[in-house]
PDB file of N, CA and C in Angstrom:
ATOM      1  N   MET A   1       0.823  -1.196   0.000  1.00  0.00           N
ATOM      2  CA  MET A   1       0.000   0.000   0.000  1.00  0.00           C
ATOM      3  C   MET A   1       0.864   1.255   0.000  1.00  0.00           C
ATOM      4  N   ALA A   2       2.038   1.162   0.587  1.00  0.00           N
ATOM      5  CA  ALA A   2       2.924   2.328   0.616  1.00  0.00           C
ATOM      6  C   ALA A   2       3.299   2.750  -0.801  1.00  0.00           C
ATOM      7  N   GLN A   3       3.485   1.775  -1.686  1.00  0.00           N
ATOM      8  CA  GLN A   3       3.823   2.084  -3.083  1.00  0.00           C
ATOM      9  C   GLN A   3       2.652   2.769  -3.785  1.00  0.00           C
ATOM     10  N   VAL A   4       1.446   2.316  -3.524  1.00  0.00           N
ATOM     11  CA  VAL A   4       0.259   2.942  -4.127  1.00  0.00           C
ATOM     12  C   VAL A   4       0.115   4.367  -3.602  1.00  0.00           C
ATOM     13  N   LYS A   5       0.359   4.556  -2.305  1.00  0.00           N
ATOM     14  CA  LYS A   5       0.297   5.903  -1.726  1.00  0.00           C
ATOM     15  C   LYS A   5       1.302   6.813  -2.416  1.00  0.00           C
ATOM     16  N   LYS A   6       2.491   6.302  -2.631  1.00  0.00           N
ATOM     17  CA  LYS A   6       3.535   7.081  -3.298  1.00  0.00           C
ATOM     18  C   LYS A   6       3.089   7.486  -4.706  1.00  0.00           C
ATOM     19  N   MET A   7       2.501   6.550  -5.449  1.00  0.00           N
ATOM     20  CA  MET A   7       2.012   6.850  -6.801  1.00  0.00           C
ATOM     21  C   MET A   7       0.892   7.882  -6.756  1.00  0.00           C
ATOM     22  N   MET A   8      -0.028   7.727  -5.797  1.00  0.00           N
ATOM     23  CA  MET A   8      -1.133   8.686  -5.667  1.00  0.00           C
ATOM     24  C   MET A   8      -0.604  10.070  -5.307  1.00  0.00           C
ATOM     25  N   ASP A   9       0.336  10.123  -4.369  1.00  0.00           N
ATOM     26  CA  ASP A   9       0.893  11.414  -3.963  1.00  0.00           C
ATOM     27  C   ASP A   9       1.602  12.101  -5.128  1.00  0.00           C
ATOM     28  N   LYS A  10       2.282  11.328  -5.952  1.00  0.00           N
ATOM     29  CA  LYS A  10       2.943  11.898  -7.131  1.00  0.00           C
ATOM     30  C   LYS A  10       1.905  12.434  -8.109  1.00  0.00           C
ATOM     31  N   TYR A  11       0.833  11.673  -8.331  1.00  0.00           N
ATOM     32  CA  TYR A  11      -0.235  12.136  -9.221  1.00  0.00           C
ATOM     33  C   TYR A  11      -0.839  13.440  -8.688  1.00  0.00           C
ATOM     34  N   ILE A  12      -1.092  13.492  -7.393  1.00  0.00           N
ATOM     35  CA  ILE A  12      -1.674  14.687  -6.771  1.00  0.00           C
ATOM     36  C   ILE A  12      -0.738  15.882  -6.952  1.00  0.00           C
ATOM     37  N   GLU A  13       0.544  15.669  -6.690  1.00  0.00           N
ATOM     38  CA  GLU A  13       1.518  16.757  -6.823  1.00  0.00           C
ATOM     39  C   GLU A  13       1.664  17.197  -8.278  1.00  0.00           C
ATOM     40  N   ASP A  14       1.835  16.235  -9.187  1.00  0.00           N
ATOM     41  CA  ASP A  14       2.030  16.560 -10.608  1.00  0.00           C
ATOM     42  C   ASP A  14       0.857  17.332 -11.190  1.00  0.00           C
ATOM     43  N   ASN A  15      -0.344  17.064 -10.690  1.00  0.00           N
ATOM     44  CA  ASN A  15      -1.551  17.694 -11.230  1.00  0.00           C
ATOM     45  C   ASN A  15      -2.082  18.833 -10.358  1.00  0.00           C
ATOM     46  N   LYS A  16      -1.259  19.242  -9.381  1.00  0.00           N
ATOM     47  CA  LYS A  16      -1.615  20.371  -8.504  1.00  0.00           C
ATOM     48  C   LYS A  16      -3.002  20.200  -7.882  1.00  0.00           C
ATOM     49  N   LEU A  17      -3.230  19.003  -7.320  1.00  0.00           N
ATOM     50  CA  LEU A  17      -4.527  18.667  -6.736  1.00  0.00           C
ATOM     51  C   LEU A  17      -4.495  18.587  -5.216  1.00  0.00           C
ATOM     52  N   SER A  18      -3.439  19.107  -4.603  1.00  0.00           N
ATOM     53  CA  SER A  18      -3.330  18.964  -3.148  1.00  0.00           C
ATOM     54  C   SER A  18      -4.450  19.683  -2.401  1.00  0.00           C
ATOM     55  N   GLY A  19      -5.104  20.646  -3.025  1.00  0.00           N
ATOM     56  CA  GLY A  19      -6.241  21.297  -2.386  1.00  0.00           C
ATOM     57  C   GLY A  19      -7.489  20.440  -2.385  1.00  0.00           C
ATOM     58  N   GLY A  20      -7.533  19.416  -3.236  1.00  0.00           N
ATOM     59  CA  GLY A  20      -8.733  18.601  -3.350  1.00  0.00           C
ATOM     60  C   GLY A  20      -8.566  17.140  -2.993  1.00  0.00           C
ATOM     61  N   LEU A  21      -7.327  16.645  -3.009  1.00  0.00           N
ATOM     62  CA  LEU A  21      -7.065  15.231  -2.734  1.00  0.00           C
ATOM     63  C   LEU A  21      -5.959  15.096  -1.700  1.00  0.00           C
ATOM     64  N   GLU A  22      -6.080  14.075  -0.870  1.00  0.00           N
ATOM     65  CA  GLU A  22      -4.998  13.739   0.052  1.00  0.00           C
ATOM     66  C   GLU A  22      -5.050  12.247   0.346  1.00  0.00           C
ATOM     67  N   THR A  23      -3.913  11.694   0.751  1.00  0.00           N
ATOM     68  CA  THR A  23      -3.842  10.272   1.076  1.00  0.00           C
ATOM     69  C   THR A  23      -3.295  10.093   2.487  1.00  0.00           C
ATOM     70  N   ALA A  24      -3.621   8.948   3.082  1.00  0.00           N
ATOM     71  CA  ALA A  24      -3.093   8.594   4.403  1.00  0.00           C
ATOM     72  C   ALA A  24      -3.071   7.078   4.521  1.00  0.00           C
ATOM     73  N   LEU A  25      -1.960   6.547   5.030  1.00  0.00           N
ATOM     74  CA  LEU A  25      -1.886   5.114   5.316  1.00  0.00           C
ATOM     75  C   LEU A  25      -2.503   4.873   6.684  1.00  0.00           C
ATOM     76  N   LEU A  26      -3.474   3.989   6.740  1.00  0.00           N
ATOM     77  CA  LEU A  26      -4.152   3.628   7.982  1.00  0.00           C
ATOM     78  C   LEU A  26      -3.844   2.174   8.305  1.00  0.00           C
ATOM     79  N   ASP A  27      -4.202   1.730   9.487  1.00  0.00           N
ATOM     80  CA  ASP A  27      -3.970   0.335   9.872  1.00  0.00           C
ATOM     81  C   ASP A  27      -4.632  -0.638   8.909  1.00  0.00           C
ATOM     82  N   ASP A  28      -5.796  -0.260   8.388  1.00  0.00           N
ATOM     83  CA  ASP A  28      -6.532  -1.180   7.513  1.00  0.00           C
ATOM     84  C   ASP A  28      -6.390  -0.871   6.029  1.00  0.00           C
ATOM     85  N   GLY A  29      -5.471   0.013   5.650  1.00  0.00           N
ATOM     86  CA  GLY A  29      -5.252   0.267   4.230  1.00  0.00           C
ATOM     87  C   GLY A  29      -4.937   1.720   3.925  1.00  0.00           C
ATOM     88  N   LEU A  30      -5.114   2.076   2.683  1.00  0.00           N
ATOM     89  CA  LEU A  30      -4.842   3.423   2.196  1.00  0.00           C
ATOM     90  C   LEU A  30      -6.148   4.186   2.079  1.00  0.00           C
ATOM     91  N   MET A  31      -6.189   5.367   2.682  1.00  0.00           N
ATOM     92  CA  MET A  31      -7.361   6.223   2.539  1.00  0.00           C
ATOM     93  C   MET A  31      -7.023   7.306   1.521  1.00  0.00           C
ATOM     94  N   ILE A  32      -7.889   7.456   0.531  1.00  0.00           N
ATOM     95  CA  ILE A  32      -7.780   8.543  -0.435  1.00  0.00           C
ATOM     96  C   ILE A  32      -8.962   9.455  -0.164  1.00  0.00           C
ATOM     97  N   ARG A  33      -8.684  10.634   0.320  1.00  0.00           N
ATOM     98  CA  ARG A  33      -9.761  11.574   0.656  1.00  0.00           C
ATOM     99  C   ARG A  33      -9.910  12.565  -0.494  1.00  0.00           C
ATOM    100  N   ILE A  34     -11.116  12.605  -1.028  1.00  0.00           N
ATOM    101  CA  ILE A  34     -11.456  13.585  -2.057  1.00  0.00           C
ATOM    102  C   ILE A  34     -12.335  14.617  -1.366  1.00  0.00           C
ATOM    103  N   LYS A  35     -11.826  15.795  -1.218  1.00  0.00           N
ATOM    104  CA  LYS A  35     -12.562  16.838  -0.502  1.00  0.00           C
ATOM    105  C   LYS A  35     -13.773  17.271  -1.318  1.00  0.00           C
ATOM    106  N   ASP A  36     -14.830  17.637  -0.610  1.00  0.00           N
ATOM    107  CA  ASP A  36     -16.096  17.944  -1.283  1.00  0.00           C
ATOM    108  C   ASP A  36     -15.968  19.029  -2.336  1.00  0.00           C
ATOM    109  N   ASN A  37     -15.149  20.045  -2.098  1.00  0.00           N
ATOM    110  CA  ASN A  37     -15.032  21.116  -3.084  1.00  0.00           C
ATOM    111  C   ASN A  37     -14.323  20.671  -4.356  1.00  0.00           C
ATOM    112  N   ALA A  38     -13.681  19.508  -4.333  1.00  0.00           N
ATOM    113  CA  ALA A  38     -13.036  18.972  -5.527  1.00  0.00           C
ATOM    114  C   ALA A  38     -14.033  18.249  -6.423  1.00  0.00           C
ATOM    115  N   LEU A  39     -15.178  17.876  -5.887  1.00  0.00           N
ATOM    116  CA  LEU A  39     -16.173  17.118  -6.642  1.00  0.00           C
ATOM    117  C   LEU A  39     -17.353  17.950  -7.109  1.00  0.00           C
ATOM    118  N   PHE A  40     -17.907  18.739  -6.206  1.00  0.00           N
ATOM    119  CA  PHE A  40     -19.151  19.464  -6.473  1.00  0.00           C
ATOM    120  C   PHE A  40     -19.039  20.896  -5.971  1.00  0.00           C
ATOM    121  N   PRO A  41     -19.684  21.825  -6.651  1.00  0.00           N
ATOM    122  CA  PRO A  41     -19.868  23.135  -6.024  1.00  0.00           C
ATOM    123  C   PRO A  41     -20.849  22.958  -4.858  1.00  0.00           C
ATOM    124  N   SER A  42     -20.715  23.743  -3.814  1.00  0.00           N
ATOM    125  CA  SER A  42     -21.620  23.636  -2.674  1.00  0.00           C
ATOM    126  C   SER A  42     -23.061  23.812  -3.129  1.00  0.00           C
ATOM    127  N   GLY A  43     -23.925  22.915  -2.661  1.00  0.00           N
ATOM    128  CA  GLY A  43     -25.343  22.981  -3.001  1.00  0.00           C
ATOM    129  C   GLY A  43     -25.701  22.360  -4.329  1.00  0.00           C
ATOM    130  N   SER A  44     -24.739  21.736  -4.998  1.00  0.00           N
ATOM    131  CA  SER A  44     -24.995  21.146  -6.314  1.00  0.00           C
ATOM    132  C   SER A  44     -24.823  19.635  -6.262  1.00  0.00           C
ATOM    133  N   ALA A  45     -25.533  18.944  -7.142  1.00  0.00           N
ATOM    134  CA  ALA A  45     -25.377  17.497  -7.278  1.00  0.00           C
ATOM    135  C   ALA A  45     -24.688  17.150  -8.591  1.00  0.00           C
ATOM    136  N   VAL A  46     -24.188  18.163  -9.291  1.00  0.00           N
ATOM    137  CA  VAL A  46     -23.541  17.961 -10.587  1.00  0.00           C
ATOM    138  C   VAL A  46     -22.025  17.958 -10.389  1.00  0.00           C
ATOM    139  N   LEU A  47     -21.384  16.861 -10.831  1.00  0.00           N
ATOM    140  CA  LEU A  47     -19.932  16.752 -10.709  1.00  0.00           C
ATOM    141  C   LEU A  47     -19.229  17.826 -11.526  1.00  0.00           C
ATOM    142  N   LEU A  48     -18.135  18.347 -10.973  1.00  0.00           N
ATOM    143  CA  LEU A  48     -17.272  19.237 -11.735  1.00  0.00           C
ATOM    144  C   LEU A  48     -16.566  18.420 -12.813  1.00  0.00           C
ATOM    145  N   PRO A  49     -16.325  18.986 -13.995  1.00  0.00           N
ATOM    146  CA  PRO A  49     -15.684  18.216 -15.075  1.00  0.00           C
ATOM    147  C   PRO A  49     -14.347  17.596 -14.661  1.00  0.00           C
ATOM    148  N   GLN A  50     -13.501  18.325 -13.931  1.00  0.00           N
ATOM    149  CA  GLN A  50     -12.191  17.793 -13.561  1.00  0.00           C
ATOM    150  C   GLN A  50     -12.290  16.637 -12.570  1.00  0.00           C
ATOM    151  N   SER A  51     -13.401  16.540 -11.833  1.00  0.00           N
ATOM    152  CA  SER A  51     -13.528  15.445 -10.872  1.00  0.00           C
ATOM    153  C   SER A  51     -13.656  14.104 -11.581  1.00  0.00           C
ATOM    154  N   ARG A  52     -14.273  14.090 -12.738  1.00  0.00           N
ATOM    155  CA  ARG A  52     -14.358  12.849 -13.524  1.00  0.00           C
ATOM    156  C   ARG A  52     -12.973  12.407 -13.986  1.00  0.00           C
ATOM    157  N   VAL A  53     -12.130  13.376 -14.326  1.00  0.00           N
ATOM    158  CA  VAL A  53     -10.780  13.065 -14.798  1.00  0.00           C
ATOM    159  C   VAL A  53      -9.961  12.419 -13.690  1.00  0.00           C
ATOM    160  N   PHE A  54      -9.925  13.048 -12.499  1.00  0.00           N
ATOM    161  CA  PHE A  54      -9.084  12.430 -11.472  1.00  0.00           C
ATOM    162  C   PHE A  54      -9.705  11.170 -10.902  1.00  0.00           C
ATOM    163  N   ALA A  55     -11.013  11.027 -10.962  1.00  0.00           N
ATOM    164  CA  ALA A  55     -11.633   9.762 -10.543  1.00  0.00           C
ATOM    165  C   ALA A  55     -11.187   8.631 -11.469  1.00  0.00           C
ATOM    166  N   ALA A  56     -11.109   8.913 -12.758  1.00  0.00           N
ATOM    167  CA  ALA A  56     -10.645   7.906 -13.724  1.00  0.00           C
ATOM    168  C   ALA A  56      -9.182   7.551 -13.468  1.00  0.00           C
ATOM    169  N   GLU A  57      -8.369   8.539 -13.134  1.00  0.00           N
ATOM    170  CA  GLU A  57      -6.957   8.281 -12.849  1.00  0.00           C
ATOM    171  C   GLU A  57      -6.791   7.459 -11.570  1.00  0.00           C
ATOM    172  N   ILE A  58      -7.560   7.779 -10.556  1.00  0.00           N
ATOM    173  CA  ILE A  58      -7.519   7.002  -9.312  1.00  0.00           C
ATOM    174  C   ILE A  58      -7.920   5.558  -9.599  1.00  0.00           C
ATOM    175  N   ALA A  59      -8.956   5.382 -10.397  1.00  0.00           N
ATOM    176  CA  ALA A  59      -9.418   4.032 -10.743  1.00  0.00           C
ATOM    177  C   ALA A  59      -8.322   3.240 -11.444  1.00  0.00           C
ATOM    178  N   LYS A  60      -7.585   3.872 -12.356  1.00  0.00           N
ATOM    179  CA  LYS A  60      -6.498   3.180 -13.065  1.00  0.00           C
ATOM    180  C   LYS A  60      -5.450   2.651 -12.087  1.00  0.00           C
ATOM    181  N   LEU A  61      -5.182   3.421 -11.033  1.00  0.00           N
ATOM    182  CA  LEU A  61      -4.197   2.983 -10.045  1.00  0.00           C
ATOM    183  C   LEU A  61      -4.735   1.870  -9.151  1.00  0.00           C
ATOM    184  N   LEU A  62      -6.047   1.868  -8.902  1.00  0.00           N
ATOM    185  CA  LEU A  62      -6.629   0.908  -7.964  1.00  0.00           C
ATOM    186  C   LEU A  62      -7.056  -0.407  -8.604  1.00  0.00           C
ATOM    187  N   VAL A  63      -7.447  -0.385  -9.859  1.00  0.00           N
ATOM    188  CA  VAL A  63      -7.980  -1.592 -10.516  1.00  0.00           C
ATOM    189  C   VAL A  63      -7.038  -2.793 -10.422  1.00  0.00           C
ATOM    190  N   PRO A  64      -5.730  -2.639 -10.645  1.00  0.00           N
ATOM    191  CA  PRO A  64      -4.867  -3.824 -10.602  1.00  0.00           C
ATOM    192  C   PRO A  64      -4.617  -4.386  -9.205  1.00  0.00           C
ATOM    193  N   LEU A  65      -5.006  -3.673  -8.166  1.00  0.00           N
ATOM    194  CA  LEU A  65      -4.717  -4.122  -6.806  1.00  0.00           C
ATOM    195  C   LEU A  65      -5.642  -5.255  -6.385  1.00  0.00           C
ATOM    196  N   PRO A  66      -5.097  -6.246  -5.661  1.00  0.00           N
ATOM    197  CA  PRO A  66      -5.938  -7.358  -5.216  1.00  0.00           C
ATOM    198  C   PRO A  66      -6.829  -6.995  -4.023  1.00  0.00           C
ATOM    199  N   GLN A  67      -6.496  -5.922  -3.319  1.00  0.00           N
ATOM    200  CA  GLN A  67      -7.285  -5.538  -2.151  1.00  0.00           C
ATOM    201  C   GLN A  67      -8.649  -5.001  -2.575  1.00  0.00           C
ATOM    202  N   ARG A  68      -9.591  -5.110  -1.669  1.00  0.00           N
ATOM    203  CA  ARG A  68     -10.918  -4.584  -1.977  1.00  0.00           C
ATOM    204  C   ARG A  68     -10.902  -3.077  -1.768  1.00  0.00           C
ATOM    205  N   VAL A  69     -11.772  -2.403  -2.483  1.00  0.00           N
ATOM    206  CA  VAL A  69     -11.904  -0.952  -2.392  1.00  0.00           C
ATOM    207  C   VAL A  69     -13.236  -0.640  -1.730  1.00  0.00           C
ATOM    208  N   VAL A  70     -13.206   0.202  -0.716  1.00  0.00           N
ATOM    209  CA  VAL A  70     -14.416   0.633  -0.024  1.00  0.00           C
ATOM    210  C   VAL A  70     -14.574   2.128  -0.278  1.00  0.00           C
ATOM    211  N   VAL A  71     -15.749   2.518  -0.740  1.00  0.00           N
ATOM    212  CA  VAL A  71     -16.031   3.926  -1.007  1.00  0.00           C
ATOM    213  C   VAL A  71     -17.066   4.399   0.002  1.00  0.00           C
ATOM    214  N   THR A  72     -16.737   5.458   0.704  1.00  0.00           N
ATOM    215  CA  THR A  72     -17.686   6.056   1.642  1.00  0.00           C
ATOM    216  C   THR A  72     -17.835   7.526   1.289  1.00  0.00           C
ATOM    217  N   GLY A  73     -18.873   8.133   1.777  1.00  0.00           N
ATOM    218  CA  GLY A  73     -19.083   9.542   1.477  1.00  0.00           C
ATOM    219  C   GLY A  73     -19.997  10.192   2.483  1.00  0.00           C
ATOM    220  N   HIS A  74     -20.232  11.447   2.271  1.00  0.00           N
ATOM    221  CA  HIS A  74     -21.131  12.198   3.142  1.00  0.00           C
ATOM    222  C   HIS A  74     -21.789  13.294   2.317  1.00  0.00           C
ATOM    223  N   THR A  75     -22.772  13.904   2.894  1.00  0.00           N
ATOM    224  CA  THR A  75     -23.465  14.987   2.203  1.00  0.00           C
ATOM    225  C   THR A  75     -22.901  16.328   2.635  1.00  0.00           C
ATOM    226  N   ASP A  76     -23.150  17.317   1.842  1.00  0.00           N
ATOM    227  CA  ASP A  76     -22.759  18.693   2.141  1.00  0.00           C
ATOM    228  C   ASP A  76     -23.544  19.151   3.369  1.00  0.00           C
ATOM    229  N   ASN A  77     -22.865  19.696   4.358  1.00  0.00           N
ATOM    230  CA  ASN A  77     -23.567  20.115   5.570  1.00  0.00           C
ATOM    231  C   ASN A  77     -23.930  21.603   5.570  1.00  0.00           C
ATOM    232  N   VAL A  78     -23.750  22.257   4.429  1.00  0.00           N
ATOM    233  CA  VAL A  78     -24.097  23.670   4.325  1.00  0.00           C
ATOM    234  C   VAL A  78     -25.555  23.782   3.904  1.00  0.00           C
ATOM    235  N   PRO A  79     -26.399  24.445   4.706  1.00  0.00           N
ATOM    236  CA  PRO A  79     -27.817  24.583   4.336  1.00  0.00           C
ATOM    237  C   PRO A  79     -27.972  25.382   3.040  1.00  0.00           C
ATOM    238  N   ILE A  80     -28.869  24.922   2.180  1.00  0.00           N
ATOM    239  CA  ILE A  80     -29.127  25.627   0.925  1.00  0.00           C
ATOM    240  C   ILE A  80     -30.625  25.758   0.717  1.00  0.00           C
ATOM    241  N   ASN A  81     -30.985  26.615  -0.182  1.00  0.00           N
ATOM    242  CA  ASN A  81     -32.386  26.774  -0.557  1.00  0.00           C
ATOM    243  C   ASN A  81     -32.429  26.890  -2.073  1.00  0.00           C
ATOM    244  N   THR A  82     -32.688  25.764  -2.736  1.00  0.00           N
ATOM    245  CA  THR A  82     -32.740  25.754  -4.198  1.00  0.00           C
ATOM    246  C   THR A  82     -34.037  25.105  -4.642  1.00  0.00           C
ATOM    247  N   PRO A  83     -34.398  25.286  -5.917  1.00  0.00           N
ATOM    248  CA  PRO A  83     -35.623  24.653  -6.416  1.00  0.00           C
ATOM    249  C   PRO A  83     -35.518  23.138  -6.547  1.00  0.00           C
ATOM    250  N   GLU A  84     -34.318  22.558  -6.427  1.00  0.00           N
ATOM    251  CA  GLU A  84     -34.142  21.105  -6.599  1.00  0.00           C
ATOM    252  C   GLU A  84     -34.724  20.331  -5.458  1.00  0.00           C
TER     253      GLU A  84
END
């Protein structure tokens, strides 16, 4: 997992994504945190175009790994008032 973390960190650095992505080695594996502002504008359910790009890149790094991948998430906690 340390090697995958190294590859992810290089991808994050090379693509200037440190404001939106970070990694951490945990006892049970590698955590890749995608910050909410990297995926959606606040109050929106529409993905930002660049979020699809780095999601595809993350997938390329994870697909060959034998370990299982767990995806968790949360909702935006900022109150909004929209017609949606």
